[in-house]
Amino acid sequence: MKGEPNACARPGERSGVGRVGQATCGVVSVGVAVVALVFGYSGVVAVASVVPLLSTTAIVFTWVFLWLVAWLVLVVALSLVRARLTGPMGA
């Protein structure tokens, strides 16, 4: 909701990375996951071949896991950099 403050934020402090930051982290993390899977595809396929009927599912789950981890790392890094730039207490 637009006017609702974040429960974790201090009064008067802007919190989070915002919509643009989330979208940017999401797009960049998709690229990171694709590149990671391209370079590690042979290893992922070798491990996924242990379960032949579920190998495609295992590959997709691996890619989704990489994507979500990359997104989380980017959002945390962006929020830490943003907090460091704004200084203590959002001043």
PDB file of N, CA and C in Angstrom:
ATOM      1  N   MET A   1       0.829  -1.167   0.000  1.00  0.00           N
ATOM      2  CA  MET A   1       0.000   0.000   0.000  1.00  0.00           C
ATOM      3  C   MET A   1       0.880   1.239   0.000  1.00  0.00           C
ATOM      4  N   LYS A   2       0.396   2.259  -0.645  1.00  0.00           N
ATOM      5  CA  LYS A   2       1.235   3.416  -0.882  1.00  0.00           C
ATOM      6  C   LYS A   2       1.581   4.216   0.368  1.00  0.00           C
ATOM      7  N   GLY A   3       0.619   4.502   1.216  1.00  0.00           N
ATOM      8  CA  GLY A   3       0.876   5.369   2.354  1.00  0.00           C
ATOM      9  C   GLY A   3       1.300   4.657   3.617  1.00  0.00           C
ATOM     10  N   GLU A   4       1.326   3.334   3.616  1.00  0.00           N
ATOM     11  CA  GLU A   4       1.646   2.596   4.827  1.00  0.00           C
ATOM     12  C   GLU A   4       3.152   2.536   5.056  1.00  0.00           C
ATOM     13  N   PRO A   5       3.604   2.868   6.262  1.00  0.00           N
ATOM     14  CA  PRO A   5       5.035   2.780   6.550  1.00  0.00           C
ATOM     15  C   PRO A   5       5.461   1.334   6.760  1.00  0.00           C
ATOM     16  N   ASN A   6       6.728   1.089   6.560  1.00  0.00           N
ATOM     17  CA  ASN A   6       7.284  -0.235   6.817  1.00  0.00           C
ATOM     18  C   ASN A   6       7.386  -0.410   8.331  1.00  0.00           C
ATOM     19  N   ALA A   7       6.941  -1.548   8.837  1.00  0.00           N
ATOM     20  CA  ALA A   7       6.943  -1.777  10.275  1.00  0.00           C
ATOM     21  C   ALA A   7       8.356  -1.833  10.846  1.00  0.00           C
ATOM     22  N   CYS A   8       9.335  -2.191  10.021  1.00  0.00           N
ATOM     23  CA  CYS A   8      10.715  -2.309  10.487  1.00  0.00           C
ATOM     24  C   CYS A   8      11.477  -0.990  10.400  1.00  0.00           C
ATOM     25  N   ALA A   9      10.926  -0.013   9.742  1.00  0.00           N
ATOM     26  CA  ALA A   9      11.643   1.243   9.527  1.00  0.00           C
ATOM     27  C   ALA A   9      11.488   2.169  10.724  1.00  0.00           C
ATOM     28  N   ARG A  10      12.523   2.959  10.947  1.00  0.00           N
ATOM     29  CA  ARG A  10      12.443   3.990  11.970  1.00  0.00           C
ATOM     30  C   ARG A  10      11.596   5.135  11.424  1.00  0.00           C
ATOM     31  N   PRO A  11      10.945   5.906  12.288  1.00  0.00           N
ATOM     32  CA  PRO A  11      10.110   7.011  11.813  1.00  0.00           C
ATOM     33  C   PRO A  11      10.916   7.989  10.964  1.00  0.00           C
ATOM     34  N   GLY A  12      10.368   8.352   9.826  1.00  0.00           N
ATOM     35  CA  GLY A  12      11.030   9.302   8.946  1.00  0.00           C
ATOM     36  C   GLY A  12      12.116   8.690   8.080  1.00  0.00           C
ATOM     37  N   GLU A  13      12.339   7.410   8.166  1.00  0.00           N
ATOM     38  CA  GLU A  13      13.410   6.770   7.393  1.00  0.00           C
ATOM     39  C   GLU A  13      12.827   6.055   6.184  1.00  0.00           C
ATOM     40  N   ARG A  14      13.461   6.226   5.061  1.00  0.00           N
ATOM     41  CA  ARG A  14      13.089   5.482   3.862  1.00  0.00           C
ATOM     42  C   ARG A  14      13.717   4.113   3.945  1.00  0.00           C
ATOM     43  N   SER A  15      12.930   3.082   3.775  1.00  0.00           N
ATOM     44  CA  SER A  15      13.466   1.743   3.923  1.00  0.00           C
ATOM     45  C   SER A  15      13.333   0.975   2.623  1.00  0.00           C
ATOM     46  N   GLY A  16      14.079  -0.096   2.514  1.00  0.00           N
ATOM     47  CA  GLY A  16      13.996  -0.963   1.347  1.00  0.00           C
ATOM     48  C   GLY A  16      14.704  -0.387   0.146  1.00  0.00           C
ATOM     49  N   VAL A  17      14.601  -1.099  -0.936  1.00  0.00           N
ATOM     50  CA  VAL A  17      15.272  -0.677  -2.164  1.00  0.00           C
ATOM     51  C   VAL A  17      14.298  -0.124  -3.182  1.00  0.00           C
ATOM     52  N   GLY A  18      13.023  -0.195  -2.916  1.00  0.00           N
ATOM     53  CA  GLY A  18      12.024   0.371  -3.811  1.00  0.00           C
ATOM     54  C   GLY A  18      11.708  -0.542  -4.984  1.00  0.00           C
ATOM     55  N   ARG A  19      10.713  -0.131  -5.750  1.00  0.00           N
ATOM     56  CA  ARG A  19      10.282  -0.934  -6.898  1.00  0.00           C
ATOM     57  C   ARG A  19      11.330  -1.020  -7.978  1.00  0.00           C
ATOM     58  N   VAL A  20      11.955   0.105  -8.272  1.00  0.00           N
ATOM     59  CA  VAL A  20      12.978   0.111  -9.324  1.00  0.00           C
ATOM     60  C   VAL A  20      14.168  -0.746  -8.911  1.00  0.00           C
ATOM     61  N   GLY A  21      14.553  -0.665  -7.651  1.00  0.00           N
ATOM     62  CA  GLY A  21      15.652  -1.482  -7.152  1.00  0.00           C
ATOM     63  C   GLY A  21      15.327  -2.964  -7.198  1.00  0.00           C
ATOM     64  N   GLN A  22      14.099  -3.319  -6.815  1.00  0.00           N
ATOM     65  CA  GLN A  22      13.681  -4.721  -6.878  1.00  0.00           C
ATOM     66  C   GLN A  22      13.671  -5.221  -8.319  1.00  0.00           C
ATOM     67  N   ALA A  23      13.118  -4.413  -9.226  1.00  0.00           N
ATOM     68  CA  ALA A  23      13.056  -4.814 -10.624  1.00  0.00           C
ATOM     69  C   ALA A  23      14.454  -4.963 -11.217  1.00  0.00           C
ATOM     70  N   THR A  24      15.331  -4.036 -10.892  1.00  0.00           N
ATOM     71  CA  THR A  24      16.704  -4.115 -11.387  1.00  0.00           C
ATOM     72  C   THR A  24      17.403  -5.348 -10.854  1.00  0.00           C
ATOM     73  N   CYS A  25      17.263  -5.608  -9.568  1.00  0.00           N
ATOM     74  CA  CYS A  25      17.873  -6.802  -8.974  1.00  0.00           C
ATOM     75  C   CYS A  25      17.298  -8.070  -9.592  1.00  0.00           C
ATOM     76  N   GLY A  26      16.003  -8.075  -9.880  1.00  0.00           N
ATOM     77  CA  GLY A  26      15.379  -9.234 -10.500  1.00  0.00           C
ATOM     78  C   GLY A  26      15.923  -9.509 -11.886  1.00  0.00           C
ATOM     79  N   VAL A  27      16.048  -8.467 -12.697  1.00  0.00           N
ATOM     80  CA  VAL A  27      16.557  -8.633 -14.063  1.00  0.00           C
ATOM     81  C   VAL A  27      18.022  -9.046 -14.050  1.00  0.00           C
ATOM     82  N   VAL A  28      18.810  -8.400 -13.215  1.00  0.00           N
ATOM     83  CA  VAL A  28      20.231  -8.745 -13.137  1.00  0.00           C
ATOM     84  C   VAL A  28      20.414 -10.167 -12.623  1.00  0.00           C
ATOM     85  N   SER A  29      19.599 -10.558 -11.648  1.00  0.00           N
ATOM     86  CA  SER A  29      19.735 -11.913 -11.107  1.00  0.00           C
ATOM     87  C   SER A  29      19.333 -12.982 -12.114  1.00  0.00           C
ATOM     88  N   VAL A  30      18.393 -12.685 -13.007  1.00  0.00           N
ATOM     89  CA  VAL A  30      18.071 -13.628 -14.085  1.00  0.00           C
ATOM     90  C   VAL A  30      19.296 -13.822 -14.961  1.00  0.00           C
ATOM     91  N   GLY A  31      19.959 -12.733 -15.304  1.00  0.00           N
ATOM     92  CA  GLY A  31      21.178 -12.834 -16.105  1.00  0.00           C
ATOM     93  C   GLY A  31      22.268 -13.619 -15.401  1.00  0.00           C
ATOM     94  N   VAL A  32      22.435 -13.366 -14.105  1.00  0.00           N
ATOM     95  CA  VAL A  32      23.441 -14.100 -13.331  1.00  0.00           C
ATOM     96  C   VAL A  32      23.120 -15.586 -13.305  1.00  0.00           C
ATOM     97  N   ALA A  33      21.848 -15.929 -13.111  1.00  0.00           N
ATOM     98  CA  ALA A  33      21.454 -17.339 -13.074  1.00  0.00           C
ATOM     99  C   ALA A  33      21.647 -18.013 -14.423  1.00  0.00           C
ATOM    100  N   VAL A  34      21.336 -17.311 -15.498  1.00  0.00           N
ATOM    101  CA  VAL A  34      21.534 -17.880 -16.836  1.00  0.00           C
ATOM    102  C   VAL A  34      23.016 -18.125 -17.098  1.00  0.00           C
ATOM    103  N   VAL A  35      23.842 -17.147 -16.785  1.00  0.00           N
ATOM    104  CA  VAL A  35      25.290 -17.299 -16.998  1.00  0.00           C
ATOM    105  C   VAL A  35      25.842 -18.432 -16.139  1.00  0.00           C
ATOM    106  N   ALA A  36      25.410 -18.503 -14.881  1.00  0.00           N
ATOM    107  CA  ALA A  36      25.883 -19.572 -13.997  1.00  0.00           C
ATOM    108  C   ALA A  36      25.466 -20.943 -14.512  1.00  0.00           C
ATOM    109  N   LEU A  37      24.251 -21.048 -15.021  1.00  0.00           N
ATOM    110  CA  LEU A  37      23.789 -22.337 -15.534  1.00  0.00           C
ATOM    111  C   LEU A  37      24.471 -22.695 -16.849  1.00  0.00           C
ATOM    112  N   VAL A  38      24.762 -21.698 -17.678  1.00  0.00           N
ATOM    113  CA  VAL A  38      25.475 -21.973 -18.931  1.00  0.00           C
ATOM    114  C   VAL A  38      26.865 -22.530 -18.640  1.00  0.00           C
ATOM    115  N   PHE A  39      27.558 -21.920 -17.696  1.00  0.00           N
ATOM    116  CA  PHE A  39      28.915 -22.381 -17.384  1.00  0.00           C
ATOM    117  C   PHE A  39      28.919 -23.676 -16.566  1.00  0.00           C
ATOM    118  N   GLY A  40      27.876 -23.910 -15.787  1.00  0.00           N
ATOM    119  CA  GLY A  40      27.848 -25.108 -14.962  1.00  0.00           C
ATOM    120  C   GLY A  40      26.874 -26.165 -15.445  1.00  0.00           C
ATOM    121  N   TYR A  41      26.420 -26.040 -16.694  1.00  0.00           N
ATOM    122  CA  TYR A  41      25.381 -26.942 -17.204  1.00  0.00           C
ATOM    123  C   TYR A  41      25.809 -28.405 -17.198  1.00  0.00           C
ATOM    124  N   SER A  42      27.030 -28.675 -17.592  1.00  0.00           N
ATOM    125  CA  SER A  42      27.472 -30.078 -17.642  1.00  0.00           C
ATOM    126  C   SER A  42      27.466 -30.703 -16.245  1.00  0.00           C
ATOM    127  N   GLY A  43      27.848 -29.948 -15.248  1.00  0.00           N
ATOM    128  CA  GLY A  43      27.812 -30.464 -13.878  1.00  0.00           C
ATOM    129  C   GLY A  43      26.399 -30.677 -13.385  1.00  0.00           C
ATOM    130  N   VAL A  44      25.504 -29.748 -13.714  1.00  0.00           N
ATOM    131  CA  VAL A  44      24.104 -29.873 -13.302  1.00  0.00           C
ATOM    132  C   VAL A  44      23.463 -31.079 -13.981  1.00  0.00           C
ATOM    133  N   VAL A  45      23.759 -31.267 -15.256  1.00  0.00           N
ATOM    134  CA  VAL A  45      23.201 -32.408 -15.984  1.00  0.00           C
ATOM    135  C   VAL A  45      23.754 -33.721 -15.431  1.00  0.00           C
ATOM    136  N   ALA A  46      25.022 -33.739 -15.081  1.00  0.00           N
ATOM    137  CA  ALA A  46      25.622 -34.959 -14.529  1.00  0.00           C
ATOM    138  C   ALA A  46      24.952 -35.335 -13.207  1.00  0.00           C
ATOM    139  N   VAL A  47      24.687 -34.355 -12.374  1.00  0.00           N
ATOM    140  CA  VAL A  47      24.024 -34.632 -11.102  1.00  0.00           C
ATOM    141  C   VAL A  47      22.554 -34.980 -11.330  1.00  0.00           C
ATOM    142  N   ALA A  48      21.896 -34.288 -12.251  1.00  0.00           N
ATOM    143  CA  ALA A  48      20.473 -34.528 -12.503  1.00  0.00           C
ATOM    144  C   ALA A  48      20.228 -35.864 -13.191  1.00  0.00           C
ATOM    145  N   SER A  49      21.213 -36.419 -13.859  1.00  0.00           N
ATOM    146  CA  SER A  49      21.023 -37.698 -14.551  1.00  0.00           C
ATOM    147  C   SER A  49      20.863 -38.866 -13.579  1.00  0.00           C
ATOM    148  N   VAL A  50      21.124 -38.623 -12.306  1.00  0.00           N
ATOM    149  CA  VAL A  50      20.932 -39.662 -11.293  1.00  0.00           C
ATOM    150  C   VAL A  50      19.445 -40.026 -11.194  1.00  0.00           C
ATOM    151  N   VAL A  51      18.586 -39.054 -11.423  1.00  0.00           N
ATOM    152  CA  VAL A  51      17.137 -39.281 -11.404  1.00  0.00           C
ATOM    153  C   VAL A  51      16.595 -39.013 -12.817  1.00  0.00           C
ATOM    154  N   PRO A  52      16.644 -39.994 -13.713  1.00  0.00           N
ATOM    155  CA  PRO A  52      16.317 -39.751 -15.121  1.00  0.00           C
ATOM    156  C   PRO A  52      14.912 -39.197 -15.364  1.00  0.00           C
ATOM    157  N   LEU A  53      13.928 -39.640 -14.616  1.00  0.00           N
ATOM    158  CA  LEU A  53      12.568 -39.165 -14.854  1.00  0.00           C
ATOM    159  C   LEU A  53      12.361 -37.736 -14.362  1.00  0.00           C
ATOM    160  N   LEU A  54      13.197 -37.293 -13.446  1.00  0.00           N
ATOM    161  CA  LEU A  54      13.051 -35.947 -12.891  1.00  0.00           C
ATOM    162  C   LEU A  54      14.215 -35.026 -13.250  1.00  0.00           C
ATOM    163  N   SER A  55      14.996 -35.396 -14.239  1.00  0.00           N
ATOM    164  CA  SER A  55      16.200 -34.612 -14.540  1.00  0.00           C
ATOM    165  C   SER A  55      15.858 -33.198 -15.005  1.00  0.00           C
ATOM    166  N   THR A  56      14.845 -33.047 -15.836  1.00  0.00           N
ATOM    167  CA  THR A  56      14.464 -31.712 -16.288  1.00  0.00           C
ATOM    168  C   THR A  56      13.941 -30.883 -15.119  1.00  0.00           C
ATOM    169  N   THR A  57      13.179 -31.494 -14.262  1.00  0.00           N
ATOM    170  CA  THR A  57      12.673 -30.797 -13.078  1.00  0.00           C
ATOM    171  C   THR A  57      13.824 -30.362 -12.179  1.00  0.00           C
ATOM    172  N   ALA A  58      14.806 -31.232 -12.016  1.00  0.00           N
ATOM    173  CA  ALA A  58      15.976 -30.893 -11.190  1.00  0.00           C
ATOM    174  C   ALA A  58      16.746 -29.724 -11.795  1.00  0.00           C
ATOM    175  N   ILE A  59      16.870 -29.692 -13.117  1.00  0.00           N
ATOM    176  CA  ILE A  59      17.579 -28.590 -13.779  1.00  0.00           C
ATOM    177  C   ILE A  59      16.813 -27.281 -13.581  1.00  0.00           C
ATOM    178  N   VAL A  60      15.501 -27.327 -13.735  1.00  0.00           N
ATOM    179  CA  VAL A  60      14.682 -26.116 -13.549  1.00  0.00           C
ATOM    180  C   VAL A  60      14.737 -25.649 -12.096  1.00  0.00           C
ATOM    181  N   PHE A  61      14.617 -26.571 -11.147  1.00  0.00           N
ATOM    182  CA  PHE A  61      14.704 -26.188  -9.734  1.00  0.00           C
ATOM    183  C   PHE A  61      16.076 -25.592  -9.409  1.00  0.00           C
ATOM    184  N   THR A  62      17.124 -26.140  -9.982  1.00  0.00           N
ATOM    185  CA  THR A  62      18.468 -25.583  -9.770  1.00  0.00           C
ATOM    186  C   THR A  62      18.538 -24.163 -10.293  1.00  0.00           C
ATOM    187  N   TRP A  63      17.990 -23.934 -11.492  1.00  0.00           N
ATOM    188  CA  TRP A  63      18.029 -22.596 -12.073  1.00  0.00           C
ATOM    189  C   TRP A  63      17.215 -21.619 -11.230  1.00  0.00           C
ATOM    190  N   VAL A  64      16.026 -22.018 -10.788  1.00  0.00           N
ATOM    191  CA  VAL A  64      15.187 -21.144  -9.961  1.00  0.00           C
ATOM    192  C   VAL A  64      15.887 -20.840  -8.637  1.00  0.00           C
ATOM    193  N   PHE A  65      16.528 -21.848  -8.044  1.00  0.00           N
ATOM    194  CA  PHE A  65      17.258 -21.632  -6.801  1.00  0.00           C
ATOM    195  C   PHE A  65      18.391 -20.628  -7.008  1.00  0.00           C
ATOM    196  N   LEU A  66      19.154 -20.779  -8.090  1.00  0.00           N
ATOM    197  CA  LEU A  66      20.230 -19.826  -8.389  1.00  0.00           C
ATOM    198  C   LEU A  66      19.678 -18.420  -8.589  1.00  0.00           C
ATOM    199  N   TRP A  67      18.567 -18.324  -9.289  1.00  0.00           N
ATOM    200  CA  TRP A  67      17.955 -17.027  -9.547  1.00  0.00           C
ATOM    201  C   TRP A  67      17.535 -16.358  -8.241  1.00  0.00           C
ATOM    202  N   LEU A  68      16.854 -17.096  -7.360  1.00  0.00           N
ATOM    203  CA  LEU A  68      16.386 -16.510  -6.106  1.00  0.00           C
ATOM    204  C   LEU A  68      17.532 -16.139  -5.171  1.00  0.00           C
ATOM    205  N   VAL A  69      18.554 -16.970  -5.125  1.00  0.00           N
ATOM    206  CA  VAL A  69      19.718 -16.648  -4.284  1.00  0.00           C
ATOM    207  C   VAL A  69      20.424 -15.403  -4.819  1.00  0.00           C
ATOM    208  N   ALA A  70      20.599 -15.330  -6.139  1.00  0.00           N
ATOM    209  CA  ALA A  70      21.242 -14.146  -6.732  1.00  0.00           C
ATOM    210  C   ALA A  70      20.415 -12.899  -6.453  1.00  0.00           C
ATOM    211  N   TRP A  71      19.097 -12.997  -6.574  1.00  0.00           N
ATOM    212  CA  TRP A  71      18.217 -11.858  -6.308  1.00  0.00           C
ATOM    213  C   TRP A  71      18.350 -11.416  -4.854  1.00  0.00           C
ATOM    214  N   LEU A  72      18.322 -12.363  -3.941  1.00  0.00           N
ATOM    215  CA  LEU A  72      18.438 -12.041  -2.523  1.00  0.00           C
ATOM    216  C   LEU A  72      19.772 -11.370  -2.215  1.00  0.00           C
ATOM    217  N   VAL A  73      20.845 -11.900  -2.755  1.00  0.00           N
ATOM    218  CA  VAL A  73      22.174 -11.317  -2.526  1.00  0.00           C
ATOM    219  C   VAL A  73      22.230  -9.891  -3.072  1.00  0.00           C
ATOM    220  N   LEU A  74      21.687  -9.678  -4.258  1.00  0.00           N
ATOM    221  CA  LEU A  74      21.704  -8.339  -4.847  1.00  0.00           C
ATOM    222  C   LEU A  74      20.856  -7.346  -4.047  1.00  0.00           C
ATOM    223  N   VAL A  75      19.690  -7.768  -3.581  1.00  0.00           N
ATOM    224  CA  VAL A  75      18.830  -6.873  -2.802  1.00  0.00           C
ATOM    225  C   VAL A  75      19.489  -6.519  -1.471  1.00  0.00           C
ATOM    226  N   VAL A  76      20.080  -7.505  -0.816  1.00  0.00           N
ATOM    227  CA  VAL A  76      20.756  -7.237   0.455  1.00  0.00           C
ATOM    228  C   VAL A  76      21.949  -6.306   0.239  1.00  0.00           C
ATOM    229  N   ALA A  77      22.732  -6.575  -0.797  1.00  0.00           N
ATOM    230  CA  ALA A  77      23.885  -5.716  -1.089  1.00  0.00           C
ATOM    231  C   ALA A  77      23.435  -4.293  -1.411  1.00  0.00           C
ATOM    232  N   LEU A  78      22.383  -4.159  -2.199  1.00  0.00           N
ATOM    233  CA  LEU A  78      21.886  -2.829  -2.542  1.00  0.00           C
ATOM    234  C   LEU A  78      21.363  -2.090  -1.314  1.00  0.00           C
ATOM    235  N   SER A  79      20.658  -2.791  -0.437  1.00  0.00           N
ATOM    236  CA  SER A  79      20.153  -2.125   0.758  1.00  0.00           C
ATOM    237  C   SER A  79      21.283  -1.747   1.710  1.00  0.00           C
ATOM    238  N   LEU A  80      22.342  -2.575   1.786  1.00  0.00           N
ATOM    239  CA  LEU A  80      23.489  -2.214   2.628  1.00  0.00           C
ATOM    240  C   LEU A  80      24.220  -0.996   2.078  1.00  0.00           C
ATOM    241  N   VAL A  81      24.408  -0.965   0.774  1.00  0.00           N
ATOM    242  CA  VAL A  81      25.068   0.196   0.159  1.00  0.00           C
ATOM    243  C   VAL A  81      24.212   1.430   0.349  1.00  0.00           C
ATOM    244  N   ARG A  82      22.915   1.290   0.166  1.00  0.00           N
ATOM    245  CA  ARG A  82      22.015   2.426   0.337  1.00  0.00           C
ATOM    246  C   ARG A  82      22.034   2.921   1.781  1.00  0.00           C
ATOM    247  N   ALA A  83      22.050   1.999   2.738  1.00  0.00           N
ATOM    248  CA  ALA A  83      22.082   2.397   4.151  1.00  0.00           C
ATOM    249  C   ALA A  83      23.389   3.091   4.487  1.00  0.00           C
ATOM    250  N   ARG A  84      24.481   2.611   3.915  1.00  0.00           N
ATOM    251  CA  ARG A  84      25.781   3.232   4.169  1.00  0.00           C
ATOM    252  C   ARG A  84      25.850   4.635   3.569  1.00  0.00           C
ATOM    253  N   LEU A  85      25.235   4.825   2.399  1.00  0.00           N
ATOM    254  CA  LEU A  85      25.268   6.129   1.758  1.00  0.00           C
ATOM    255  C   LEU A  85      24.376   7.146   2.463  1.00  0.00           C
ATOM    256  N   THR A  86      23.251   6.677   3.026  1.00  0.00           N
ATOM    257  CA  THR A  86      22.352   7.618   3.700  1.00  0.00           C
ATOM    258  C   THR A  86      22.827   7.951   5.103  1.00  0.00           C
ATOM    259  N   GLY A  87      23.731   7.168   5.657  1.00  0.00           N
ATOM    260  CA  GLY A  87      24.256   7.454   6.976  1.00  0.00           C
ATOM    261  C   GLY A  87      23.390   6.881   8.076  1.00  0.00           C
ATOM    262  N   PRO A  88      23.781   7.128   9.321  1.00  0.00           N
ATOM    263  CA  PRO A  88      23.019   6.583  10.454  1.00  0.00           C
ATOM    264  C   PRO A  88      21.663   7.259  10.579  1.00  0.00           C
ATOM    265  N   MET A  89      20.679   6.457  10.927  1.00  0.00           N
ATOM    266  CA  MET A  89      19.310   6.926  11.165  1.00  0.00           C
ATOM    267  C   MET A  89      18.705   7.593   9.942  1.00  0.00           C
ATOM    268  N   GLY A  90      19.190   7.297   8.740  1.00  0.00           N
ATOM    269  CA  GLY A  90      18.597   7.812   7.523  1.00  0.00           C
ATOM    270  C   GLY A  90      18.838   9.293   7.293  1.00  0.00           C
ATOM    271  N   ALA A  91      19.789   9.870   8.019  1.00  0.00           N
ATOM    272  CA  ALA A  91      20.041  11.314   7.885  1.00  0.00           C
ATOM    273  C   ALA A  91      20.840  11.636   6.662  1.00  0.00           C
TER     274      ALA A  91
END
